[in-house]
N, C-alpha and C. Protein backbone atom coordinates (compact mmCIF):
# COMPACT_ATOMS: atom_id res chain seq x y z
N MET A 1 1.16 -1.25 -0.43
CA MET A 1 0.06 0.55 0.31
C MET A 1 1.01 0.72 0.11
N LYS A 2 0.62 1.90 -1.22
CA LYS A 2 1.42 3.43 -0.31
C LYS A 2 0.28 4.30 0.19
N LYS A 3 1.10 5.48 0.64
CA LYS A 3 0.71 6.23 1.62
C LYS A 3 -0.11 7.54 0.46
N ILE A 4 -0.63 8.00 0.56
CA ILE A 4 -0.34 9.34 0.03
C ILE A 4 -1.71 9.91 0.72
N VAL A 5 -0.92 11.69 1.00
CA VAL A 5 -1.58 12.82 1.48
C VAL A 5 -1.96 13.86 1.12
N VAL A 6 -3.58 13.29 0.49
CA VAL A 6 -4.49 14.60 -0.29
C VAL A 6 -4.06 16.46 0.82
N LEU A 7 -3.71 16.94 0.56
CA LEU A 7 -3.22 18.64 1.37
C LEU A 7 -3.86 19.45 1.36
N SER A 8 -5.60 19.43 1.39
CA SER A 8 -6.38 20.75 1.31
C SER A 8 -5.97 22.14 1.91
N GLY A 9 -5.29 23.25 0.89
CA GLY A 9 -4.72 24.35 1.76
C GLY A 9 -5.10 25.73 1.37
N SER A 10 -6.68 25.05 1.87
CA SER A 10 -7.61 26.47 2.16
C SER A 10 -7.55 26.72 3.23
N ILE A 11 -8.40 27.44 3.93
CA ILE A 11 -9.35 27.83 5.41
C ILE A 11 -9.92 28.96 5.22
N ARG A 12 -10.05 29.29 3.64
CA ARG A 12 -11.00 30.69 3.96
C ARG A 12 -13.29 29.42 3.78
N GLU A 13 -13.86 30.58 4.44
CA GLU A 13 -15.05 30.18 4.91
C GLU A 13 -15.99 30.13 3.14
N GLY A 14 -16.44 29.15 2.10
CA GLY A 14 -16.62 28.63 1.09
C GLY A 14 -15.62 28.49 0.04
N ARG A 15 -15.01 28.05 0.71
CA ARG A 15 -13.85 27.44 -0.59
C ARG A 15 -14.70 26.64 -1.64
N LYS A 16 -13.85 26.47 -2.36
CA LYS A 16 -14.01 25.80 -3.59
C LYS A 16 -13.15 24.67 -3.96
N SER A 17 -12.17 25.07 -3.43
CA SER A 17 -11.27 24.45 -3.63
C SER A 17 -10.87 22.95 -2.68
N HIS A 18 -11.52 23.14 -1.66
CA HIS A 18 -11.75 21.57 -0.71
C HIS A 18 -12.67 20.59 -1.64
N PHE A 19 -13.38 21.38 -2.83
CA PHE A 19 -14.17 20.00 -3.27
C PHE A 19 -12.70 19.74 -4.20
N VAL A 20 -12.54 20.23 -4.85
CA VAL A 20 -11.10 20.06 -5.58
C VAL A 20 -10.45 19.09 -4.69
N ALA A 21 -10.22 19.37 -3.42
CA ALA A 21 -9.50 18.06 -2.42
C ALA A 21 -10.03 17.12 -2.02
N GLN A 22 -11.63 16.84 -1.93
CA GLN A 22 -12.12 16.26 -1.62
C GLN A 22 -12.67 14.91 -2.86
N GLU A 23 -12.18 15.07 -4.36
CA GLU A 23 -12.57 14.59 -5.85
C GLU A 23 -11.29 14.22 -5.66
N ILE A 24 -10.43 14.84 -5.29
CA ILE A 24 -9.11 13.99 -5.22
C ILE A 24 -8.71 12.85 -4.51
N TYR A 25 -9.44 13.11 -3.19
CA TYR A 25 -9.02 12.78 -2.73
C TYR A 25 -10.01 11.07 -2.92
N GLY A 26 -11.23 11.03 -2.92
CA GLY A 26 -12.01 9.94 -3.28
C GLY A 26 -11.37 9.11 -4.78
N ILE A 27 -10.56 9.98 -4.81
CA ILE A 27 -9.65 9.03 -6.96
C ILE A 27 -9.02 8.53 -6.17
N LEU A 28 -8.38 8.64 -5.47
CA LEU A 28 -7.07 8.05 -4.42
C LEU A 28 -7.64 7.08 -3.83
N THR A 29 -8.65 6.98 -2.47
CA THR A 29 -9.49 5.62 -2.47
C THR A 29 -10.10 4.75 -2.79
N SER A 30 -10.45 4.99 -4.26
CA SER A 30 -10.89 4.40 -5.04
C SER A 30 -9.61 3.32 -5.93
N GLN A 31 -8.44 3.66 -5.81
CA GLN A 31 -6.45 2.54 -5.74
C GLN A 31 -6.93 1.73 -5.16
N ALA A 32 -6.28 0.29 -5.21
CA ALA A 32 -6.60 -0.99 -4.38
C ALA A 32 -5.35 -0.69 -4.05
N HIS A 33 -4.23 -0.59 -4.87
CA HIS A 33 -3.22 0.14 -4.09
C HIS A 33 -2.39 0.92 -3.14
N VAL A 34 -3.92 2.00 -2.80
CA VAL A 34 -2.93 3.50 -2.17
C VAL A 34 -4.49 3.74 -0.78
N GLU A 35 -3.88 4.05 0.40
CA GLU A 35 -3.87 4.20 1.50
C GLU A 35 -3.67 5.92 1.36
N ALA A 36 -5.22 7.29 1.19
CA ALA A 36 -5.04 7.64 1.10
C ALA A 36 -5.78 8.61 2.59
N THR A 37 -5.05 9.79 2.05
CA THR A 37 -5.56 10.62 3.51
C THR A 37 -6.09 12.01 3.57
N LEU A 38 -6.71 12.31 3.70
CA LEU A 38 -7.15 14.06 3.28
C LEU A 38 -7.08 14.62 4.41
N LEU A 39 -5.87 15.19 4.40
CA LEU A 39 -5.46 16.26 5.75
C LEU A 39 -5.80 17.90 5.43
N ASP A 40 -6.39 18.71 5.78
CA ASP A 40 -7.29 19.96 5.54
C ASP A 40 -6.98 20.24 7.05
N LEU A 41 -6.64 22.05 5.96
CA LEU A 41 -5.40 22.75 6.95
C LEU A 41 -6.29 23.69 7.58
N LYS A 42 -7.84 23.44 7.34
CA LYS A 42 -9.24 23.88 7.62
C LYS A 42 -8.40 23.63 9.56
N SER A 43 -9.00 22.75 9.67
CA SER A 43 -8.81 21.50 11.44
C SER A 43 -6.91 21.84 11.45
N TYR A 44 -6.30 22.68 11.21
CA TYR A 44 -5.37 22.84 11.77
C TYR A 44 -4.45 24.67 11.35
N PRO A 45 -5.04 25.42 13.03
CA PRO A 45 -5.03 27.29 13.27
C PRO A 45 -4.15 26.74 13.13
N PHE A 46 -2.42 26.64 13.50
CA PHE A 46 -1.15 27.49 13.52
C PHE A 46 -1.31 29.03 13.23
N PRO A 47 -0.55 29.18 14.55
CA PRO A 47 -0.38 30.19 14.45
C PRO A 47 0.11 30.87 14.09
N ILE A 48 1.26 32.40 12.86
CA ILE A 48 1.71 32.40 12.56
C ILE A 48 2.89 32.38 12.68
N MET A 49 4.21 31.94 12.10
CA MET A 49 5.13 30.79 12.09
C MET A 49 6.28 31.90 12.92
N GLU A 50 7.28 31.97 13.99
CA GLU A 50 8.35 32.56 14.61
C GLU A 50 9.65 31.38 14.06
N LYS A 51 9.11 30.22 14.42
CA LYS A 51 10.27 29.82 14.83
C LYS A 51 9.94 28.19 13.66
N ARG A 52 10.86 27.48 13.06
CA ARG A 52 10.82 26.11 12.54
C ARG A 52 10.44 25.02 13.48
N MET A 53 9.63 24.35 13.45
CA MET A 53 9.44 23.22 14.61
C MET A 53 10.84 22.73 14.64
N ASN A 54 11.94 22.68 14.45
CA ASN A 54 13.15 21.50 15.32
C ASN A 54 13.83 23.10 15.97
N GLN A 55 13.19 24.35 16.19
CA GLN A 55 13.42 25.14 17.27
C GLN A 55 12.91 24.74 17.96
N MET A 56 11.23 24.73 18.32
CA MET A 56 10.81 25.50 19.44
C MET A 56 10.64 24.34 20.42
N ASP A 57 9.88 24.63 21.82
CA ASP A 57 10.39 23.48 22.78
C ASP A 57 8.89 23.45 22.49
N GLU A 58 7.97 23.93 22.41
CA GLU A 58 6.82 23.89 22.67
C GLU A 58 6.44 24.65 21.11
N LEU A 59 4.97 22.84 20.68
CA LEU A 59 4.42 22.85 19.66
C LEU A 59 2.85 23.65 18.99
N PRO A 60 2.67 24.13 18.01
CA PRO A 60 1.09 24.41 18.52
C PRO A 60 0.22 23.34 18.19
N ASP A 61 -0.49 23.16 19.03
CA ASP A 61 -1.30 22.48 18.52
C ASP A 61 -2.09 21.69 17.20
N GLY A 62 -1.34 21.32 17.79
CA GLY A 62 -1.92 19.63 15.77
C GLY A 62 -0.43 19.94 15.13
N MET A 63 0.82 20.56 15.48
CA MET A 63 1.44 21.10 14.68
C MET A 63 2.05 19.26 14.20
N GLN A 64 2.99 18.84 15.39
CA GLN A 64 3.46 17.34 14.95
C GLN A 64 2.50 16.31 14.36
N LEU A 65 1.25 16.14 14.56
CA LEU A 65 0.54 15.32 13.43
C LEU A 65 0.33 15.72 12.43
N PHE A 66 0.25 16.83 12.32
CA PHE A 66 0.38 17.48 10.64
C PHE A 66 1.51 17.29 9.83
N SER A 67 2.46 17.80 10.74
CA SER A 67 4.27 17.20 10.55
C SER A 67 4.57 16.08 10.11
N ASP A 68 4.02 14.81 11.09
CA ASP A 68 4.04 13.68 10.61
C ASP A 68 3.11 12.47 10.06
N THR A 69 2.79 13.09 9.47
CA THR A 69 1.59 12.73 8.69
C THR A 69 2.15 13.07 7.15
N LEU A 70 2.92 14.64 6.95
CA LEU A 70 2.98 14.84 5.83
C LEU A 70 4.33 13.47 5.74
N PHE A 71 5.32 13.52 6.61
CA PHE A 71 6.48 13.21 6.56
C PHE A 71 5.95 11.45 5.66
N GLN A 72 4.99 11.24 6.56
CA GLN A 72 5.40 9.40 6.58
C GLN A 72 4.91 9.03 5.35
N ALA A 73 4.11 9.85 4.27
CA ALA A 73 3.80 9.97 3.55
C ALA A 73 4.65 9.70 1.84
N GLN A 74 4.04 8.87 1.26
CA GLN A 74 4.79 8.47 -0.11
C GLN A 74 4.72 9.35 -0.94
N GLY A 75 4.22 9.49 -1.30
CA GLY A 75 3.73 10.65 -1.81
C GLY A 75 2.20 11.70 -1.66
N ILE A 76 2.36 13.25 -2.44
CA ILE A 76 1.70 14.62 -1.01
C ILE A 76 0.71 14.76 -3.14
N VAL A 77 -0.20 14.95 -2.69
CA VAL A 77 -0.71 16.02 -3.12
C VAL A 77 -1.65 17.26 -2.53
N ILE A 78 -0.74 18.52 -2.92
CA ILE A 78 -1.28 19.82 -2.58
C ILE A 78 -2.60 20.76 -3.55
N VAL A 79 -3.77 20.79 -3.14
CA VAL A 79 -4.60 21.73 -3.43
C VAL A 79 -4.65 22.40 -3.07
N SER A 80 -4.30 23.91 -3.78
CA SER A 80 -4.51 25.09 -3.07
C SER A 80 -5.47 26.23 -4.32
N PRO A 81 -6.18 27.36 -3.47
CA PRO A 81 -6.64 28.55 -4.50
C PRO A 81 -5.16 29.19 -4.83
N GLU A 82 -5.90 29.93 -5.60
CA GLU A 82 -4.49 31.07 -5.93
C GLU A 82 -5.48 32.61 -5.46
N TYR A 83 -4.86 32.86 -4.45
CA TYR A 83 -5.28 34.29 -4.08
C TYR A 83 -4.80 35.23 -4.52
N LYS A 84 -5.15 36.95 -4.42
CA LYS A 84 -4.03 37.57 -5.94
C LYS A 84 -2.69 37.73 -5.87
N ASN A 85 -3.26 35.96 -6.91
CA ASN A 85 -1.77 35.88 -8.04
C ASN A 85 -0.77 34.94 -7.12
N GLY A 86 -1.05 34.62 -5.72
CA GLY A 86 -0.53 33.82 -5.21
C GLY A 86 -0.93 32.44 -4.03
N MET A 87 0.65 31.59 -2.95
CA MET A 87 -1.07 31.33 -2.37
C MET A 87 -1.10 31.65 -1.63
N PRO A 88 -2.43 30.61 -0.95
CA PRO A 88 -2.68 31.08 0.89
C PRO A 88 -2.00 31.09 1.79
N GLY A 89 -1.37 32.74 2.31
CA GLY A 89 -0.84 32.71 3.96
C GLY A 89 -1.15 31.15 4.63
N ALA A 90 -2.50 30.58 4.61
CA ALA A 90 -2.53 30.02 5.54
C ALA A 90 -1.66 29.12 5.58
N LEU A 91 -1.74 28.57 4.46
CA LEU A 91 -0.83 26.98 3.89
C LEU A 91 0.35 27.09 3.48
N LYS A 92 1.33 28.85 3.23
CA LYS A 92 2.49 29.26 2.86
C LYS A 92 3.26 29.37 4.98
N ASN A 93 2.15 29.89 5.33
CA ASN A 93 2.52 30.19 6.75
C ASN A 93 2.48 28.26 7.36
N ALA A 94 1.90 27.26 7.16
CA ALA A 94 2.02 25.86 7.52
C ALA A 94 3.17 25.21 6.81
N LEU A 95 2.63 25.35 5.82
CA LEU A 95 4.37 25.07 5.10
C LEU A 95 6.07 25.73 6.04
N ASP A 96 5.90 26.89 6.57
CA ASP A 96 7.39 27.14 6.77
C ASP A 96 7.41 26.74 8.02
N TYR A 97 6.73 26.20 8.81
CA TYR A 97 6.93 25.34 9.93
C TYR A 97 7.78 24.78 9.68
N LEU A 98 7.03 23.50 8.73
CA LEU A 98 8.19 22.11 8.75
C LEU A 98 9.42 21.68 8.65
N ASN A 99 10.19 21.24 9.25
CA ASN A 99 11.06 20.85 9.29
C ASN A 99 11.73 20.86 7.64
N PRO A 100 13.59 20.47 7.93
CA PRO A 100 14.12 21.08 6.18
C PRO A 100 13.63 19.66 5.80
N GLN A 101 14.07 19.60 4.56
CA GLN A 101 13.93 19.11 3.61
C GLN A 101 13.01 17.73 4.20
N ILE A 102 12.00 17.94 5.20
CA ILE A 102 10.80 16.96 4.99
C ILE A 102 9.81 16.23 4.25
N PHE A 103 10.05 16.69 2.96
CA PHE A 103 9.76 16.31 2.15
C PHE A 103 10.08 15.13 1.05
N LYS A 104 11.66 14.99 1.45
CA LYS A 104 12.64 14.53 0.45
C LYS A 104 12.33 13.53 -0.04
N ARG A 105 13.11 13.67 -1.27
CA ARG A 105 12.22 12.56 -2.10
C ARG A 105 11.03 11.52 -2.57
N ILE A 106 9.97 12.60 -2.17
CA ILE A 106 8.30 12.72 -2.32
C ILE A 106 8.07 13.35 -3.65
N PRO A 107 7.20 12.46 -4.32
CA PRO A 107 6.91 13.14 -5.02
C PRO A 107 5.49 14.08 -5.16
N LEU A 108 5.35 15.22 -5.69
CA LEU A 108 4.51 15.90 -5.15
C LEU A 108 3.85 16.21 -6.39
N ALA A 109 2.39 16.15 -6.16
CA ALA A 109 1.60 16.97 -6.90
C ALA A 109 1.07 17.96 -7.21
N ILE A 110 0.99 18.83 -7.87
CA ILE A 110 -0.17 19.82 -7.47
C ILE A 110 -1.36 20.59 -8.80
N VAL A 111 -2.21 21.31 -7.68
CA VAL A 111 -3.53 20.95 -8.16
C VAL A 111 -3.85 22.57 -7.40
N THR A 112 -4.42 23.22 -8.20
CA THR A 112 -4.21 25.05 -8.18
C THR A 112 -5.65 25.53 -8.99
N VAL A 113 -6.57 26.63 -8.29
CA VAL A 113 -7.86 26.41 -8.20
C VAL A 113 -7.96 28.14 -8.67
N SER A 114 -8.70 28.82 -9.50
CA SER A 114 -8.90 29.84 -9.74
C SER A 114 -10.53 30.34 -9.78
N SER A 115 -10.98 31.78 -9.95
CA SER A 115 -11.74 31.74 -9.64
C SER A 115 -11.88 32.38 -10.98
N GLY A 116 -10.73 32.69 -11.54
CA GLY A 116 -10.31 33.26 -13.06
C GLY A 116 -9.84 32.71 -13.98
N GLY A 117 -9.39 32.84 -15.12
CA GLY A 117 -9.21 32.28 -16.27
C GLY A 117 -8.04 31.25 -15.92
N PHE A 118 -7.08 31.64 -15.11
CA PHE A 118 -5.59 31.76 -15.50
C PHE A 118 -5.23 29.67 -14.67
N GLY A 119 -6.22 29.27 -13.97
CA GLY A 119 -6.25 28.32 -13.16
C GLY A 119 -4.94 28.23 -11.89
N GLY A 120 -4.19 29.41 -10.99
CA GLY A 120 -3.94 29.73 -10.88
C GLY A 120 -2.09 29.31 -10.83
N LEU A 121 -1.66 29.70 -12.13
CA LEU A 121 -0.54 29.35 -12.66
C LEU A 121 0.47 30.02 -11.77
N PHE A 122 0.22 31.26 -10.88
CA PHE A 122 1.01 31.88 -9.58
C PHE A 122 0.94 31.28 -9.06
N CYS A 123 0.16 30.04 -8.71
CA CYS A 123 0.69 29.79 -7.13
C CYS A 123 1.13 28.00 -7.33
N LEU A 124 1.00 27.54 -8.77
CA LEU A 124 1.45 27.13 -9.28
C LEU A 124 2.76 26.74 -8.99
N SER A 125 3.56 28.10 -9.79
CA SER A 125 4.74 27.74 -9.17
C SER A 125 5.47 28.18 -8.33
N GLN A 126 5.09 28.94 -7.46
CA GLN A 126 5.37 29.11 -5.97
C GLN A 126 5.56 27.42 -5.16
N LEU A 127 4.01 26.98 -5.60
CA LEU A 127 4.15 25.11 -4.86
C LEU A 127 5.51 25.23 -5.33
N ARG A 128 5.91 25.03 -6.62
CA ARG A 128 6.52 24.41 -7.08
C ARG A 128 8.55 24.37 -5.73
N GLY A 129 7.94 25.56 -6.04
CA GLY A 129 9.35 26.14 -5.44
C GLY A 129 9.81 25.81 -4.44
N ILE A 130 8.52 26.37 -3.15
CA ILE A 130 8.59 25.25 -1.80
C ILE A 130 8.41 23.93 -1.55
N GLY A 131 8.23 23.10 -2.53
CA GLY A 131 8.16 21.67 -2.35
C GLY A 131 9.09 21.13 -2.75
N LEU A 132 10.21 21.87 -3.26
CA LEU A 132 11.56 21.98 -4.28
C LEU A 132 12.61 21.96 -2.59
N ALA A 133 11.89 23.46 -1.72
CA ALA A 133 12.77 23.84 -1.49
C ALA A 133 12.99 23.19 0.39
N LEU A 134 11.22 21.91 0.08
CA LEU A 134 11.28 20.61 1.53
C LEU A 134 11.91 19.29 0.77
N GLY A 135 12.40 19.20 -0.05
CA GLY A 135 13.30 18.81 -0.33
C GLY A 135 12.26 17.53 -1.03
N GLY A 136 11.23 17.45 -2.17
CA GLY A 136 10.20 17.46 -2.79
C GLY A 136 10.60 17.54 -3.94
N VAL A 137 9.19 16.25 -4.74
CA VAL A 137 9.94 15.75 -6.66
C VAL A 137 8.33 16.47 -7.67
N PRO A 138 8.46 18.09 -7.13
CA PRO A 138 6.71 18.15 -8.26
C PRO A 138 6.65 17.31 -9.38
N ILE A 139 5.66 16.66 -9.69
CA ILE A 139 6.13 15.92 -10.43
C ILE A 139 5.97 16.70 -12.06
N PRO A 140 6.07 17.21 -13.32
CA PRO A 140 5.56 17.85 -14.37
C PRO A 140 4.38 17.99 -15.27
N GLU A 141 3.57 16.94 -14.30
CA GLU A 141 1.57 17.34 -14.27
C GLU A 141 1.42 17.56 -13.88
N LYS A 142 0.48 18.44 -14.06
CA LYS A 142 -0.06 19.19 -12.96
C LYS A 142 -2.21 19.94 -13.12
N LEU A 143 -2.53 20.22 -12.45
CA LEU A 143 -3.64 19.94 -12.57
C LEU A 143 -4.13 21.71 -12.30
N CYS A 144 -4.72 22.78 -13.46
CA CYS A 144 -4.84 24.37 -13.14
C CYS A 144 -6.19 24.34 -13.59
N ILE A 145 -7.17 25.06 -12.62
CA ILE A 145 -8.63 24.44 -12.78
C ILE A 145 -8.49 25.66 -12.82
N SER A 146 -9.38 26.87 -14.25
CA SER A 146 -10.51 27.99 -13.54
C SER A 146 -11.49 27.93 -13.36
N LYS A 147 -11.98 29.22 -13.34
CA LYS A 147 -14.04 29.08 -13.44
C LYS A 147 -14.25 28.55 -12.10
N VAL A 148 -13.24 27.69 -10.76
CA VAL A 148 -13.65 26.95 -10.36
C VAL A 148 -15.19 27.18 -9.74
N ASN A 149 -15.68 28.26 -9.85
CA ASN A 149 -17.16 28.89 -9.41
C ASN A 149 -18.24 27.95 -10.17
N GLU A 150 -17.65 27.73 -11.69
CA GLU A 150 -18.90 27.05 -12.01
C GLU A 150 -18.84 25.43 -12.08
N LEU A 151 -17.29 24.57 -11.62
CA LEU A 151 -17.40 23.13 -12.00
C LEU A 151 -18.06 22.58 -10.95
N PHE A 152 -18.14 23.28 -9.58
CA PHE A 152 -19.04 22.55 -8.34
C PHE A 152 -20.29 23.60 -8.38
N ASP A 153 -22.03 22.42 -8.16
CA ASP A 153 -22.93 22.99 -7.50
C ASP A 153 -22.76 23.44 -5.87
N ASP A 154 -24.06 24.14 -5.09
CA ASP A 154 -23.79 24.46 -3.67
C ASP A 154 -23.15 22.87 -2.93
N ASN A 155 -23.88 22.06 -3.29
CA ASN A 155 -23.46 20.56 -2.40
C ASN A 155 -21.98 19.94 -2.58
N GLY A 156 -21.35 20.89 -3.45
CA GLY A 156 -19.51 20.01 -3.71
C GLY A 156 -20.15 18.76 -5.35
N GLU A 157 -21.16 18.96 -5.99
CA GLU A 157 -21.43 18.19 -6.51
C GLU A 157 -20.85 18.57 -8.10
N VAL A 158 -20.04 17.95 -9.20
CA VAL A 158 -19.18 18.11 -9.99
C VAL A 158 -19.62 18.35 -11.46
N LEU A 159 -20.38 19.59 -11.75
CA LEU A 159 -21.07 19.67 -13.09
C LEU A 159 -20.47 19.49 -14.23
N GLN A 160 -18.75 19.19 -14.72
CA GLN A 160 -17.98 18.82 -15.11
C GLN A 160 -17.50 17.81 -15.48
N GLU A 161 -17.89 16.56 -16.21
CA GLU A 161 -17.25 15.81 -16.59
C GLU A 161 -15.85 15.92 -17.08
N SER A 162 -15.63 17.24 -17.19
CA SER A 162 -13.96 16.93 -18.62
C SER A 162 -12.91 16.81 -17.40
N PHE A 163 -14.13 17.58 -15.97
CA PHE A 163 -13.27 17.73 -14.63
C PHE A 163 -11.86 16.52 -14.38
N LYS A 164 -13.33 15.46 -14.17
CA LYS A 164 -13.10 14.19 -14.16
C LYS A 164 -12.44 13.00 -14.62
N THR A 165 -12.21 13.56 -16.20
CA THR A 165 -10.82 12.57 -16.53
C THR A 165 -9.44 13.41 -16.38
N LYS A 166 -9.56 14.85 -15.94
CA LYS A 166 -8.83 15.14 -15.76
C LYS A 166 -7.47 15.17 -15.12
N SER A 167 -8.44 15.27 -13.76
CA SER A 167 -8.15 15.12 -12.31
C SER A 167 -7.80 12.80 -12.71
N SER A 168 -7.92 12.50 -13.11
CA SER A 168 -7.47 10.58 -13.32
C SER A 168 -6.77 11.41 -13.80
N ASP A 169 -6.26 12.01 -14.55
CA ASP A 169 -4.85 11.69 -15.17
C ASP A 169 -3.94 12.09 -14.75
N LEU A 170 -4.23 12.46 -14.24
CA LEU A 170 -2.74 13.36 -13.39
C LEU A 170 -2.51 12.37 -12.03
N ILE A 171 -3.59 12.24 -11.25
CA ILE A 171 -3.45 11.58 -10.58
C ILE A 171 -2.93 9.70 -11.21
N ASN A 172 -2.97 9.19 -12.69
CA ASN A 172 -2.50 8.31 -12.81
C ASN A 172 -1.30 8.33 -12.65
N SER A 173 -0.93 9.85 -13.29
CA SER A 173 0.65 10.49 -13.87
C SER A 173 1.99 9.90 -12.60
N PHE A 174 0.68 10.69 -11.13
CA PHE A 174 1.08 10.98 -10.24
C PHE A 174 1.16 9.66 -8.81
N LEU A 175 0.73 8.26 -9.47
CA LEU A 175 1.66 7.10 -9.36
C LEU A 175 2.06 6.28 -9.48
N TRP A 176 1.98 6.36 -10.76
CA TRP A 176 3.61 6.53 -11.22
C TRP A 176 5.24 6.28 -10.91
N TYR A 177 5.29 8.43 -10.51
CA TYR A 177 6.13 8.79 -9.71
C TYR A 177 5.88 8.21 -8.10
N VAL A 178 5.08 7.89 -7.78
CA VAL A 178 4.85 7.62 -6.03
C VAL A 178 5.55 6.00 -6.48
N ASP A 179 4.97 5.33 -7.54
CA ASP A 179 5.99 3.94 -8.00
C ASP A 179 6.85 3.84 -7.76
N ARG A 180 7.70 4.66 -8.63
CA ARG A 180 9.11 4.89 -9.47
C ARG A 180 10.43 5.01 -8.03
N LEU A 181 9.87 5.98 -7.01
CA LEU A 181 10.17 6.55 -5.80
C LEU A 181 10.30 6.15 -5.31
N SER A 182 9.70 5.31 -4.37
CA SER A 182 9.83 5.39 -3.29
C SER A 182 9.37 3.08 -3.27
N SER A 183 10.26 2.46 -4.45
CA SER A 183 10.18 1.35 -4.14
C SER A 183 11.97 0.55 -3.62
């Protein structure tokens, strides 16, 4: 079994990116050889980072579990909205807490969403750089979702079948990297 974590990277009320994270998680749980975990950043209200974990005497509530869950993964999918041409501050803050090289040799799939037409390309670039800084291996394939408000109904049901196909394609590519790098 491959341990995969889907990190839902927004804490904002009304977040559509969490619907995307739930869909990605659903695709992963349907895979026979995958043990998937949905790690919802909204469940971890970390204060603004002043010291890295390895420099702290006492960790914020939930930080050790958050870090351990990511560290034990053989692959990580980060799902993030783009806010004002960048990644959400809460996600950056949470990643800043983590110890250096915590993602060493772990494949990272990045899914970005935006309400506009560019699908979160600026956020994608930032997350790839941060993933590399943490030792991870961002895969070349990506999923950038434009006009996310038109993708789901109010209950989180997918309105466009093409999203399911694109998501499955990304996950299949991602799992190829996980198989190669975790053996």
